[in-house]
Amino acid sequence: MNNVIRLITGLPGAVIVTSLIFLVLAAVISNQGNVELSEDRSVQINVTRQLQDTSQQSTEDFQRPVLDEPPPPPPTVNDPSFRPEMSVQMGALPDFKNVDMDIGTGFNPDRDAQPLVRIPPQYPQRCMSRADSSEAVLVEFDVTPEGTVVNPRVIEATNSCFNSAAMRAVERWRYNPKIVDNVAEPRVGVRTTIEFQLEG
């Protein structure tokens, strides 16, 4: 409703104002219709820069720069292979005649049991709810001359829930047996700590 009232009251006012502006412009144009513009009304703008001729400057003040002395020539090399000259002086050799030494063969075949295969244990599902993120089990076992693990036993554990998983992992391990005088012997009391890490 308000828009209709505005349209009815504003439309005649707009027509009156437009008509007045039209009449004023028509009167201004009719009064200046007889004015003739001169034909030459162009503006000339010169944007070129004037350069001064420097060819007439005197060359009397010009001085050549003084050059440094050239470097000395490299030393001449008489040896075409370019090997450095070396002078070696030999000292007196020690006398080993009166020294009693047992050098030996340098090879000692004796060794302790060494691990070959260590399969990591599986984290038991039943221990997830009552375990920390990191648990450890200290296991002791014996190694036979064939390299198999026997008699595994738990010495200490942070959580007893992991004992059986640690024992199952140790039983699958394989070792190089202990060697004494080129003979494989059983190794008793091997201790190792098995760690269980909860991923995630």
Protein backbone atom coordinates (compact mmCIF):
# COMPACT_ATOMS: atom_id res chain seq x y z
CA MET A 1 0.00 0.00 0.00
CA ASN A 2 2.83 2.37 0.89
CA ASN A 3 4.51 1.65 -2.44
CA VAL A 4 1.38 2.66 -4.35
CA ILE A 5 1.12 5.97 -2.45
CA ARG A 6 4.77 6.73 -3.15
CA LEU A 7 4.30 5.95 -6.83
CA ILE A 8 1.24 8.21 -7.12
CA THR A 9 2.87 11.16 -5.34
CA GLY A 10 6.39 10.73 -6.76
CA LEU A 11 5.59 10.22 -10.43
CA PRO A 12 4.13 13.71 -11.09
CA GLY A 13 7.04 15.33 -9.21
CA ALA A 14 9.58 13.42 -11.31
CA VAL A 15 7.83 14.43 -14.53
CA ILE A 16 7.82 18.11 -13.50
CA VAL A 17 11.56 18.12 -12.54
CA THR A 18 12.56 16.34 -15.77
CA SER A 19 10.54 18.78 -17.86
CA LEU A 20 12.16 21.81 -16.18
CA ILE A 21 15.69 20.42 -16.77
CA PHE A 22 14.81 19.78 -20.43
CA LEU A 23 13.55 23.35 -20.93
CA VAL A 24 16.63 24.91 -19.28
CA LEU A 25 18.99 22.89 -21.49
CA ALA A 26 17.02 23.76 -24.63
CA ALA A 27 17.26 27.48 -23.82
CA VAL A 28 21.04 27.27 -23.22
CA ILE A 29 21.58 25.45 -26.51
CA SER A 30 19.47 27.89 -28.51
CA ASN A 31 21.37 30.91 -27.14
CA GLN A 32 24.81 29.44 -28.05
CA GLY A 33 23.83 28.04 -31.42
CA ASN A 34 25.45 30.91 -33.34
CA VAL A 35 28.84 30.65 -31.65
CA GLU A 36 31.50 29.33 -34.02
CA LEU A 37 34.52 27.52 -32.71
CA SER A 38 37.89 28.33 -34.13
CA GLU A 39 39.29 25.45 -36.10
CA ASP A 40 42.79 25.43 -34.58
CA ARG A 41 42.24 24.41 -30.97
CA SER A 42 44.77 21.58 -30.80
CA VAL A 43 47.25 21.49 -28.00
CA GLN A 44 50.82 20.47 -28.74
CA ILE A 45 52.70 18.60 -26.04
CA ASN A 46 56.35 17.75 -26.56
CA VAL A 47 57.49 14.84 -24.44
CA THR A 48 60.89 14.34 -26.01
CA ARG A 49 63.87 15.06 -23.82
CA GLN A 50 66.55 17.40 -25.02
CA LEU A 51 69.97 15.84 -24.92
CA GLN A 52 73.10 17.87 -24.71
CA ASP A 53 75.92 17.11 -27.08
CA THR A 54 78.94 16.01 -25.08
CA SER A 55 81.22 15.56 -28.06
CA GLN A 56 82.72 19.01 -27.52
CA GLN A 57 83.97 18.23 -24.01
CA SER A 58 87.70 18.39 -23.66
CA THR A 59 89.62 15.17 -23.37
CA GLU A 60 92.49 16.79 -21.50
CA ASP A 61 91.19 15.63 -18.09
CA PHE A 62 91.04 11.98 -19.11
CA GLN A 63 93.67 9.75 -17.45
CA ARG A 64 94.29 6.13 -18.07
CA PRO A 65 93.91 3.91 -14.98
CA VAL A 66 97.10 2.54 -13.54
CA LEU A 67 97.13 -1.26 -13.76
CA ASP A 68 98.56 -3.44 -11.00
CA GLU A 69 101.68 -5.39 -11.70
CA PRO A 70 100.98 -8.80 -13.25
CA PRO A 71 101.37 -11.81 -10.97
CA PRO A 72 104.62 -13.72 -11.11
CA PRO A 73 104.69 -16.74 -13.41
CA PRO A 74 104.07 -20.15 -11.85
CA PRO A 75 107.12 -22.17 -10.83
CA THR A 76 108.54 -24.43 -13.47
CA VAL A 77 108.10 -28.16 -12.98
CA ASN A 78 110.92 -30.37 -14.13
CA ASP A 79 109.22 -33.70 -13.37
CA PRO A 80 106.55 -34.40 -16.02
CA SER A 81 104.64 -36.81 -13.72
CA PHE A 82 104.02 -34.01 -11.16
CA ARG A 83 104.95 -36.24 -8.22
CA PRO A 84 105.90 -34.45 -5.01
CA GLU A 85 109.41 -34.87 -3.81
CA MET A 86 109.59 -37.13 -0.77
CA SER A 87 112.56 -37.88 1.38
CA VAL A 88 112.20 -40.82 3.78
CA GLN A 89 114.52 -41.52 6.63
CA MET A 90 114.53 -45.03 8.04
CA GLY A 91 115.03 -45.58 11.75
CA ALA A 92 116.68 -48.53 13.41
CA LEU A 93 114.59 -51.71 13.60
CA PRO A 94 113.99 -53.19 17.06
CA ASP A 95 115.79 -56.40 17.97
CA PHE A 96 113.41 -59.29 18.79
CA LYS A 97 116.04 -61.99 19.31
CA ASN A 98 116.01 -62.00 23.11
CA VAL A 99 112.23 -61.47 23.52
CA ASP A 100 110.07 -64.46 24.55
CA MET A 101 106.68 -63.94 22.88
CA ASP A 102 103.81 -66.29 22.08
CA ILE A 103 102.05 -64.76 19.10
CA GLY A 104 99.58 -67.66 18.63
CA THR A 105 97.46 -68.40 15.62
CA GLY A 106 95.16 -65.36 15.93
CA PHE A 107 92.04 -67.57 15.68
CA ASN A 108 90.01 -68.55 18.74
CA PRO A 109 87.14 -70.90 17.84
CA ASP A 110 85.57 -70.81 21.33
CA ARG A 111 82.37 -68.80 21.54
CA ASP A 112 79.25 -68.42 23.62
CA ALA A 113 75.77 -69.24 22.38
CA GLN A 114 74.63 -66.64 19.82
CA PRO A 115 71.03 -66.00 18.71
CA LEU A 116 70.09 -66.90 15.13
CA VAL A 117 66.28 -66.59 15.09
CA ARG A 118 64.28 -64.54 17.58
CA ILE A 119 60.58 -64.46 16.77
CA PRO A 120 58.88 -61.56 18.60
CA PRO A 121 55.99 -62.49 20.88
CA GLN A 122 52.37 -61.72 20.09
CA TYR A 123 50.55 -59.33 22.38
CA PRO A 124 47.87 -61.44 24.12
CA GLN A 125 44.33 -60.17 23.57
CA ARG A 126 43.20 -61.23 27.03
CA CYS A 127 45.80 -58.94 28.64
CA MET A 128 44.80 -55.72 26.90
CA SER A 129 42.23 -54.62 29.46
CA ARG A 130 44.50 -55.03 32.49
CA ALA A 131 47.90 -54.04 31.11
CA ASP A 132 49.95 -50.89 30.72
CA SER A 133 51.23 -49.71 27.35
CA SER A 134 54.61 -51.35 28.05
CA GLU A 135 55.15 -54.65 29.87
CA ALA A 136 58.29 -56.79 30.29
CA VAL A 137 59.06 -60.43 31.21
CA LEU A 138 62.53 -61.66 32.26
CA VAL A 139 63.00 -65.23 30.99
CA GLU A 140 65.80 -67.73 31.66
CA PHE A 141 66.44 -70.83 29.51
CA ASP A 142 69.07 -73.33 28.36
CA VAL A 143 70.47 -73.84 24.85
CA THR A 144 71.23 -77.37 23.67
CA PRO A 145 74.28 -78.29 21.51
CA GLU A 146 71.86 -78.36 18.55
CA GLY A 147 70.86 -74.72 19.21
CA THR A 148 67.30 -75.28 20.44
CA VAL A 149 65.87 -73.62 23.56
CA VAL A 150 64.86 -75.90 26.46
CA ASN A 151 63.68 -75.42 30.04
CA PRO A 152 62.29 -71.86 29.69
CA ARG A 153 61.21 -70.30 32.97
CA VAL A 154 59.99 -66.85 34.05
CA ILE A 155 62.26 -65.10 36.53
CA GLU A 156 60.40 -61.79 36.85
CA ALA A 157 57.46 -60.08 35.13
CA THR A 158 55.73 -56.73 35.41
CA ASN A 159 52.41 -58.48 34.70
CA SER A 160 51.91 -62.26 35.05
CA CYS A 161 49.35 -62.21 32.23
CA PHE A 162 52.24 -62.08 29.73
CA ASN A 163 54.18 -65.10 31.07
CA SER A 164 52.72 -67.73 28.75
CA ALA A 165 53.12 -65.52 25.64
CA ALA A 166 56.78 -64.94 26.52
CA MET A 167 57.39 -68.68 27.05
CA ARG A 168 55.80 -69.57 23.69
CA ALA A 169 57.99 -67.03 21.89
CA VAL A 170 61.23 -68.23 23.54
CA GLU A 171 60.57 -71.90 22.69
CA ARG A 172 60.67 -71.02 18.95
CA TRP A 173 64.05 -69.26 19.13
CA ARG A 174 67.19 -70.84 17.61
CA TYR A 175 70.82 -70.30 18.62
CA ASN A 176 74.34 -71.03 17.46
CA PRO A 177 75.50 -73.39 20.22
CA LYS A 178 78.28 -72.72 22.67
CA ILE A 179 81.66 -73.94 21.32
CA VAL A 180 84.54 -75.00 23.58
CA ASP A 181 87.63 -76.60 22.00
CA ASN A 182 85.75 -77.08 18.72
CA VAL A 183 82.99 -79.02 20.51
CA ALA A 184 79.36 -77.86 20.85
CA GLU A 185 78.27 -77.78 24.48
CA PRO A 186 75.02 -76.90 26.22
CA ARG A 187 74.66 -73.34 27.49
CA VAL A 188 72.83 -73.05 30.79
CA GLY A 189 71.18 -69.97 32.27
CA VAL A 190 70.70 -67.64 29.30
CA ARG A 191 68.63 -64.65 30.43
CA THR A 192 66.77 -62.16 28.26
CA THR A 193 64.03 -59.58 28.75
CA ILE A 194 61.01 -59.72 26.44
CA GLU A 195 59.10 -56.47 26.05
CA PHE A 196 55.46 -56.13 25.06
CA GLN A 197 54.42 -52.82 23.48
CA LEU A 198 50.76 -52.00 22.94
CA GLU A 199 50.50 -50.22 19.60
CA GLY A 200 47.95 -47.51 19.04
